[in-house]
Each structure stands twice: as C-alpha cells, then as structure tokens.
Amino acid sequence: MNLDSKLNEYKENIEKLKAVESLEVYRWLMSLGEKLNDDPLSSEKRIEKNKVKKCQFDLFVDYEDGKFKAWSKAMIAAGYAYVLIDIFNSLKIEDAKKNSSRRL
C-alpha cells in the first residue's frame, strides 16, 4: 500500500463519521487509541528524547522491534498516534523516512 492510499483511507473514514455525528470522530479516535495497548511502546523507550513536544499529554513515539510504536494514557492523543504509526508502518522504512516531514 502506498502513502496516498493509506492517507485517503483515513480521510474517507473521518468524512463518513463527520456526516453521522461530529462526536463520532472522537469516539473513533479513542477506539484507535485503545489499539495502542495491543503492542505499545515499551516502558524503557518512554523517555524524554521520545516524548512528542508540545503535546498536552504524555505521548511517546519510537521505532522498536522493526516498526513504529507509540504510547499515551490520553486516548485521543493515542488515537492520533495510532493513525500516524499505522500510516508509517505501512511504508518501507526508506519511504517512511523520506515522508516523515511531509505535511499530512
């Protein structure tokens, strides 16, 4: 799967949910955030260098066990993190690095 199709997949989901009810987007993000607990970033990697700056809640992201992982107690922040790591994990590592500064 390429980056554009993965981004379109999430855009379509958000648009469908907005049509139903605006709060449904947040419920969906929270449900995605819960999925981070299936394979979270290890506690050893939850260090200051891996902390997302300017995030209201603690959110840690790093590359571990051959894929991007994240962890946060805040379910909406975790949901956003899940979307991003799912997108980047669908790419080859070289493409993920190349697109890491792309405005989504």
N, C-alpha and C. Protein backbone atom coordinates (compact mmCIF):
# COMPACT_ATOMS: atom_id res chain seq x y z
N MET A 1 0.86 -1.18 0.00
CA MET A 1 0.00 0.00 0.00
C MET A 1 0.90 1.23 0.00
N ASN A 2 0.53 2.24 -0.79
CA ASN A 2 1.35 3.44 -0.80
C ASN A 2 0.79 4.49 0.15
N LEU A 3 1.57 5.52 0.38
CA LEU A 3 1.21 6.56 1.35
C LEU A 3 -0.11 7.23 1.01
N ASP A 4 -0.29 7.59 -0.24
CA ASP A 4 -1.52 8.29 -0.62
C ASP A 4 -2.77 7.45 -0.38
N SER A 5 -2.71 6.14 -0.66
CA SER A 5 -3.91 5.32 -0.41
C SER A 5 -4.18 5.17 1.07
N LYS A 6 -3.13 5.09 1.89
CA LYS A 6 -3.33 5.00 3.34
C LYS A 6 -3.93 6.29 3.87
N LEU A 7 -3.42 7.43 3.41
CA LEU A 7 -3.98 8.72 3.84
C LEU A 7 -5.44 8.85 3.40
N ASN A 8 -5.74 8.46 2.18
CA ASN A 8 -7.12 8.52 1.69
C ASN A 8 -8.04 7.63 2.50
N GLU A 9 -7.55 6.47 2.93
CA GLU A 9 -8.35 5.56 3.76
C GLU A 9 -8.80 6.27 5.03
N TYR A 10 -7.88 6.96 5.70
CA TYR A 10 -8.24 7.66 6.94
C TYR A 10 -9.11 8.88 6.66
N LYS A 11 -8.83 9.62 5.61
CA LYS A 11 -9.66 10.78 5.26
C LYS A 11 -11.09 10.35 5.00
N GLU A 12 -11.29 9.26 4.27
CA GLU A 12 -12.64 8.76 3.98
C GLU A 12 -13.36 8.35 5.25
N ASN A 13 -12.66 7.67 6.17
CA ASN A 13 -13.28 7.29 7.44
C ASN A 13 -13.73 8.50 8.23
N ILE A 14 -12.89 9.52 8.29
CA ILE A 14 -13.23 10.73 9.04
C ILE A 14 -14.42 11.44 8.41
N GLU A 15 -14.43 11.54 7.10
CA GLU A 15 -15.55 12.20 6.41
C GLU A 15 -16.87 11.45 6.65
N LYS A 16 -16.83 10.13 6.62
CA LYS A 16 -18.04 9.33 6.88
C LYS A 16 -18.54 9.57 8.30
N LEU A 17 -17.60 9.60 9.26
CA LEU A 17 -18.00 9.81 10.66
C LEU A 17 -18.54 11.22 10.89
N LYS A 18 -17.95 12.21 10.25
CA LYS A 18 -18.44 13.59 10.38
C LYS A 18 -19.87 13.71 9.89
N ALA A 19 -20.18 12.97 8.84
CA ALA A 19 -21.54 13.01 8.30
C ALA A 19 -22.55 12.45 9.29
N VAL A 20 -22.12 11.52 10.12
CA VAL A 20 -23.02 10.91 11.10
C VAL A 20 -23.17 11.83 12.31
N GLU A 21 -22.05 12.17 12.92
CA GLU A 21 -22.07 12.99 14.13
C GLU A 21 -20.63 13.40 14.42
N SER A 22 -20.41 14.66 14.76
CA SER A 22 -19.04 15.13 14.98
C SER A 22 -18.38 14.44 16.17
N LEU A 23 -19.13 14.08 17.19
CA LEU A 23 -18.54 13.38 18.33
C LEU A 23 -18.09 11.97 17.97
N GLU A 24 -18.64 11.44 16.91
CA GLU A 24 -18.28 10.09 16.49
C GLU A 24 -16.82 10.01 16.07
N VAL A 25 -16.26 11.09 15.54
CA VAL A 25 -14.84 11.12 15.18
C VAL A 25 -13.99 10.90 16.42
N TYR A 26 -14.35 11.55 17.53
CA TYR A 26 -13.59 11.40 18.77
C TYR A 26 -13.74 10.00 19.35
N ARG A 27 -14.93 9.44 19.26
CA ARG A 27 -15.13 8.05 19.72
C ARG A 27 -14.26 7.10 18.91
N TRP A 28 -14.21 7.33 17.61
CA TRP A 28 -13.40 6.51 16.73
C TRP A 28 -11.92 6.65 17.08
N LEU A 29 -11.45 7.90 17.29
CA LEU A 29 -10.05 8.12 17.66
C LEU A 29 -9.73 7.43 18.98
N MET A 30 -10.64 7.49 19.94
CA MET A 30 -10.41 6.83 21.22
C MET A 30 -10.33 5.31 21.04
N SER A 31 -11.15 4.76 20.17
CA SER A 31 -11.09 3.31 19.94
C SER A 31 -9.77 2.94 19.28
N LEU A 32 -9.26 3.79 18.41
CA LEU A 32 -7.94 3.54 17.82
C LEU A 32 -6.85 3.66 18.89
N GLY A 33 -7.02 4.61 19.79
CA GLY A 33 -6.06 4.79 20.88
C GLY A 33 -5.96 3.55 21.75
N GLU A 34 -7.08 2.88 21.95
CA GLU A 34 -7.07 1.65 22.74
C GLU A 34 -6.24 0.57 22.06
N LYS A 35 -6.17 0.61 20.73
CA LYS A 35 -5.39 -0.39 20.00
C LYS A 35 -3.89 -0.28 20.27
N LEU A 36 -3.43 0.89 20.71
CA LEU A 36 -2.00 1.03 21.04
C LEU A 36 -1.61 0.07 22.16
N ASN A 37 -2.55 -0.24 23.03
CA ASN A 37 -2.27 -1.16 24.13
C ASN A 37 -2.03 -2.59 23.67
N ASP A 38 -2.41 -2.92 22.42
CA ASP A 38 -2.16 -4.26 21.89
C ASP A 38 -0.67 -4.51 21.72
N ASP A 39 0.08 -3.48 21.36
CA ASP A 39 1.52 -3.59 21.15
C ASP A 39 2.16 -2.22 21.39
N PRO A 40 2.16 -1.76 22.66
CA PRO A 40 2.61 -0.40 22.94
C PRO A 40 4.14 -0.27 22.92
N LEU A 41 4.59 0.96 22.86
CA LEU A 41 6.00 1.26 23.02
C LEU A 41 6.41 0.81 24.42
N SER A 42 7.52 0.13 24.52
CA SER A 42 7.96 -0.40 25.81
C SER A 42 8.24 0.73 26.81
N SER A 43 8.11 0.42 28.08
CA SER A 43 8.34 1.44 29.11
C SER A 43 9.78 1.95 29.09
N GLU A 44 10.72 1.12 28.64
CA GLU A 44 12.11 1.55 28.55
C GLU A 44 12.30 2.65 27.50
N LYS A 45 11.42 2.68 26.51
CA LYS A 45 11.52 3.67 25.43
C LYS A 45 10.70 4.93 25.72
N ARG A 46 9.97 4.94 26.82
CA ARG A 46 9.17 6.12 27.19
C ARG A 46 10.06 7.10 27.95
N ILE A 47 10.97 7.67 27.21
CA ILE A 47 11.95 8.59 27.79
C ILE A 47 11.80 9.96 27.13
N GLU A 48 12.41 10.96 27.74
CA GLU A 48 12.26 12.35 27.29
C GLU A 48 12.58 12.53 25.80
N LYS A 49 13.62 11.85 25.32
CA LYS A 49 14.00 12.01 23.91
C LYS A 49 12.92 11.52 22.95
N ASN A 50 12.05 10.60 23.38
CA ASN A 50 10.99 10.05 22.54
C ASN A 50 9.63 10.70 22.79
N LYS A 51 9.61 11.69 23.66
CA LYS A 51 8.36 12.36 24.00
C LYS A 51 8.02 13.38 22.92
N VAL A 52 6.76 13.40 22.49
CA VAL A 52 6.30 14.36 21.50
C VAL A 52 6.19 15.72 22.18
N LYS A 53 6.90 16.67 21.64
CA LYS A 53 6.91 18.03 22.20
C LYS A 53 5.60 18.74 21.87
N LYS A 54 5.23 19.64 22.75
CA LYS A 54 4.04 20.48 22.59
C LYS A 54 2.74 19.68 22.57
N CYS A 55 2.77 18.47 23.08
CA CYS A 55 1.55 17.68 23.22
C CYS A 55 1.05 17.89 24.64
N GLN A 56 -0.23 18.12 24.81
CA GLN A 56 -0.80 18.41 26.12
C GLN A 56 -0.61 17.23 27.08
N PHE A 57 -0.64 16.01 26.56
CA PHE A 57 -0.49 14.82 27.38
C PHE A 57 0.78 14.09 26.98
N ASP A 58 1.26 13.23 27.88
CA ASP A 58 2.45 12.44 27.56
C ASP A 58 2.17 11.52 26.38
N LEU A 59 2.97 11.66 25.35
CA LEU A 59 2.87 10.82 24.17
C LEU A 59 4.30 10.51 23.74
N PHE A 60 4.61 9.23 23.65
CA PHE A 60 5.96 8.79 23.29
C PHE A 60 5.89 7.97 22.01
N VAL A 61 6.84 8.21 21.11
CA VAL A 61 6.90 7.51 19.83
C VAL A 61 8.35 7.14 19.55
N ASP A 62 8.56 5.92 19.04
CA ASP A 62 9.91 5.49 18.65
C ASP A 62 9.79 4.28 17.73
N TYR A 63 10.91 3.91 17.17
CA TYR A 63 11.00 2.74 16.31
C TYR A 63 11.52 1.59 17.17
N GLU A 64 10.75 0.51 17.24
CA GLU A 64 11.10 -0.60 18.13
C GLU A 64 10.60 -1.91 17.51
N ASP A 65 11.41 -2.94 17.60
CA ASP A 65 11.04 -4.26 17.07
C ASP A 65 10.67 -4.21 15.58
N GLY A 66 11.37 -3.36 14.83
CA GLY A 66 11.15 -3.29 13.40
C GLY A 66 9.93 -2.52 12.94
N LYS A 67 9.34 -1.72 13.85
CA LYS A 67 8.18 -0.91 13.45
C LYS A 67 8.03 0.28 14.39
N PHE A 68 7.26 1.25 13.96
CA PHE A 68 6.98 2.40 14.80
C PHE A 68 5.96 2.00 15.85
N LYS A 69 6.18 2.48 17.07
CA LYS A 69 5.25 2.22 18.17
C LYS A 69 5.05 3.51 18.95
N ALA A 70 3.96 3.56 19.69
CA ALA A 70 3.65 4.74 20.48
C ALA A 70 2.98 4.32 21.78
N TRP A 71 2.90 5.28 22.72
CA TRP A 71 2.19 5.05 23.97
C TRP A 71 1.72 6.39 24.52
N SER A 72 0.50 6.41 25.01
CA SER A 72 -0.05 7.56 25.71
C SER A 72 -1.22 7.10 26.57
N LYS A 73 -1.39 7.77 27.70
CA LYS A 73 -2.57 7.50 28.54
C LYS A 73 -3.80 8.22 27.99
N ALA A 74 -3.57 9.30 27.27
CA ALA A 74 -4.67 10.11 26.72
C ALA A 74 -5.20 9.42 25.46
N MET A 75 -6.43 9.02 25.48
CA MET A 75 -6.98 8.18 24.41
C MET A 75 -7.10 8.90 23.06
N ILE A 76 -7.40 10.18 23.05
CA ILE A 76 -7.50 10.88 21.77
C ILE A 76 -6.10 11.08 21.19
N ALA A 77 -5.14 11.49 22.02
CA ALA A 77 -3.75 11.61 21.55
C ALA A 77 -3.25 10.25 21.07
N ALA A 78 -3.60 9.19 21.79
CA ALA A 78 -3.21 7.84 21.39
C ALA A 78 -3.86 7.47 20.06
N GLY A 79 -5.08 7.92 19.83
CA GLY A 79 -5.75 7.65 18.56
C GLY A 79 -5.05 8.32 17.39
N TYR A 80 -4.66 9.58 17.58
CA TYR A 80 -3.90 10.27 16.53
C TYR A 80 -2.58 9.55 16.30
N ALA A 81 -1.92 9.14 17.38
CA ALA A 81 -0.65 8.42 17.25
C ALA A 81 -0.85 7.11 16.50
N TYR A 82 -1.95 6.41 16.80
CA TYR A 82 -2.22 5.15 16.11
C TYR A 82 -2.35 5.37 14.60
N VAL A 83 -3.06 6.43 14.22
CA VAL A 83 -3.22 6.73 12.79
C VAL A 83 -1.85 6.93 12.15
N LEU A 84 -1.01 7.74 12.79
CA LEU A 84 0.30 8.04 12.22
C LEU A 84 1.20 6.81 12.15
N ILE A 85 1.24 6.01 13.24
CA ILE A 85 2.12 4.84 13.17
C ILE A 85 1.59 3.80 12.20
N ASP A 86 0.26 3.72 12.06
CA ASP A 86 -0.30 2.80 11.08
C ASP A 86 0.10 3.22 9.66
N ILE A 87 0.04 4.52 9.40
CA ILE A 87 0.46 5.03 8.09
C ILE A 87 1.93 4.74 7.86
N PHE A 88 2.78 5.10 8.80
CA PHE A 88 4.21 4.92 8.60
C PHE A 88 4.62 3.45 8.60
N ASN A 89 3.94 2.62 9.36
CA ASN A 89 4.25 1.18 9.34
C ASN A 89 3.79 0.50 8.07
N SER A 90 2.93 1.16 7.30
CA SER A 90 2.50 0.57 6.03
C SER A 90 3.51 0.84 4.91
N LEU A 91 4.50 1.68 5.20
CA LEU A 91 5.53 2.04 4.23
C LEU A 91 6.82 1.29 4.49
N LYS A 92 7.65 1.21 3.47
CA LYS A 92 9.02 0.73 3.68
C LYS A 92 9.73 1.78 4.51
N ILE A 93 10.69 1.37 5.32
CA ILE A 93 11.36 2.31 6.23
C ILE A 93 11.98 3.48 5.47
N GLU A 94 12.53 3.23 4.28
CA GLU A 94 13.13 4.30 3.49
C GLU A 94 12.08 5.34 3.10
N ASP A 95 10.90 4.86 2.71
CA ASP A 95 9.82 5.76 2.33
C ASP A 95 9.27 6.50 3.56
N ALA A 96 9.23 5.83 4.69
CA ALA A 96 8.77 6.47 5.92
C ALA A 96 9.69 7.62 6.29
N LYS A 97 11.00 7.40 6.19
CA LYS A 97 11.96 8.46 6.49
C LYS A 97 11.80 9.62 5.51
N LYS A 98 11.64 9.29 4.23
CA LYS A 98 11.51 10.31 3.19
C LYS A 98 10.25 11.15 3.40
N ASN A 99 9.17 10.54 3.87
CA ASN A 99 7.89 11.22 4.03
C ASN A 99 7.64 11.75 5.43
N SER A 100 8.59 11.58 6.34
CA SER A 100 8.35 11.97 7.73
C SER A 100 8.12 13.46 7.92
N SER A 101 8.61 14.27 7.01
CA SER A 101 8.39 15.71 7.14
C SER A 101 7.27 16.21 6.23
N ARG A 102 6.63 15.30 5.52
CA ARG A 102 5.53 15.68 4.61
C ARG A 102 4.34 16.17 5.42
N ARG A 103 3.75 17.22 4.98
CA ARG A 103 2.57 17.77 5.66
C ARG A 103 1.37 16.90 5.32
N LEU A 104 0.75 16.28 6.34
CA LEU A 104 -0.37 15.37 6.11
C LEU A 104 -1.65 16.11 6.13
